[in-house]
Amino acid sequence: MKIGIIGTGRLGSALGKIWAEKGHMIMYGSR
């Protein structure tokens, strides 16, 4: 699944890491 995360703080980074380990494609957006 493709997942977009807005914000690369603690929560965004933690969720992105978990989802990436499960095989999802992660795209981050930040200011």
C-alpha atoms as a PDB file:
ATOM      1  CA  MET A   1       0.000   0.000   0.000  1.00  0.00           C
ATOM      2  CA  LYS A   2       1.227   3.537  -0.698  1.00  0.00           C
ATOM      3  CA  ILE A   3       1.084   5.746   2.392  1.00  0.00           C
ATOM      4  CA  GLY A   4       1.741   9.507   2.571  1.00  0.00           C
ATOM      5  CA  ILE A   5       2.787  11.054   5.869  1.00  0.00           C
ATOM      6  CA  ILE A   6       2.694  14.804   6.438  1.00  0.00           C
ATOM      7  CA  GLY A   7       5.233  15.736   9.087  1.00  0.00           C
ATOM      8  CA  THR A   8       8.489  14.057   9.965  1.00  0.00           C
ATOM      9  CA  GLY A   9       8.397  14.505  13.730  1.00  0.00           C
ATOM     10  CA  ARG A  10       8.395  11.703  16.274  1.00  0.00           C
ATOM     11  CA  LEU A  11       4.985  10.305  15.374  1.00  0.00           C
ATOM     12  CA  GLY A  12       5.397  10.479  11.599  1.00  0.00           C
ATOM     13  CA  SER A  13       8.846   8.911  11.729  1.00  0.00           C
ATOM     14  CA  ALA A  14       7.750   6.117  14.057  1.00  0.00           C
ATOM     15  CA  LEU A  15       4.678   5.236  11.985  1.00  0.00           C
ATOM     16  CA  GLY A  16       6.641   5.404   8.744  1.00  0.00           C
ATOM     17  CA  LYS A  17       9.302   3.063  10.081  1.00  0.00           C
ATOM     18  CA  ILE A  18       6.739   0.510  11.252  1.00  0.00           C
ATOM     19  CA  TRP A  19       4.766   0.594   8.000  1.00  0.00           C
ATOM     20  CA  ALA A  20       7.944   0.408   5.881  1.00  0.00           C
ATOM     21  CA  GLU A  21       9.066  -2.683   7.804  1.00  0.00           C
ATOM     22  CA  LYS A  22       5.713  -4.267   6.946  1.00  0.00           C
ATOM     23  CA  GLY A  23       6.383  -3.669   3.241  1.00  0.00           C
ATOM     24  CA  HIS A  24       4.395  -0.488   2.553  1.00  0.00           C
ATOM     25  CA  MET A  25       5.732   2.326   0.349  1.00  0.00           C
ATOM     26  CA  ILE A  26       6.088   5.493   2.439  1.00  0.00           C
ATOM     27  CA  MET A  27       6.290   9.092   1.181  1.00  0.00           C
ATOM     28  CA  TYR A  28       7.043  11.915   3.618  1.00  0.00           C
ATOM     29  CA  GLY A  29       6.045  15.554   3.257  1.00  0.00           C
ATOM     30  CA  SER A  30       7.499  18.277   5.430  1.00  0.00           C
ATOM     31  CA  ARG A  31       7.894  22.053   5.556  1.00  0.00           C
END
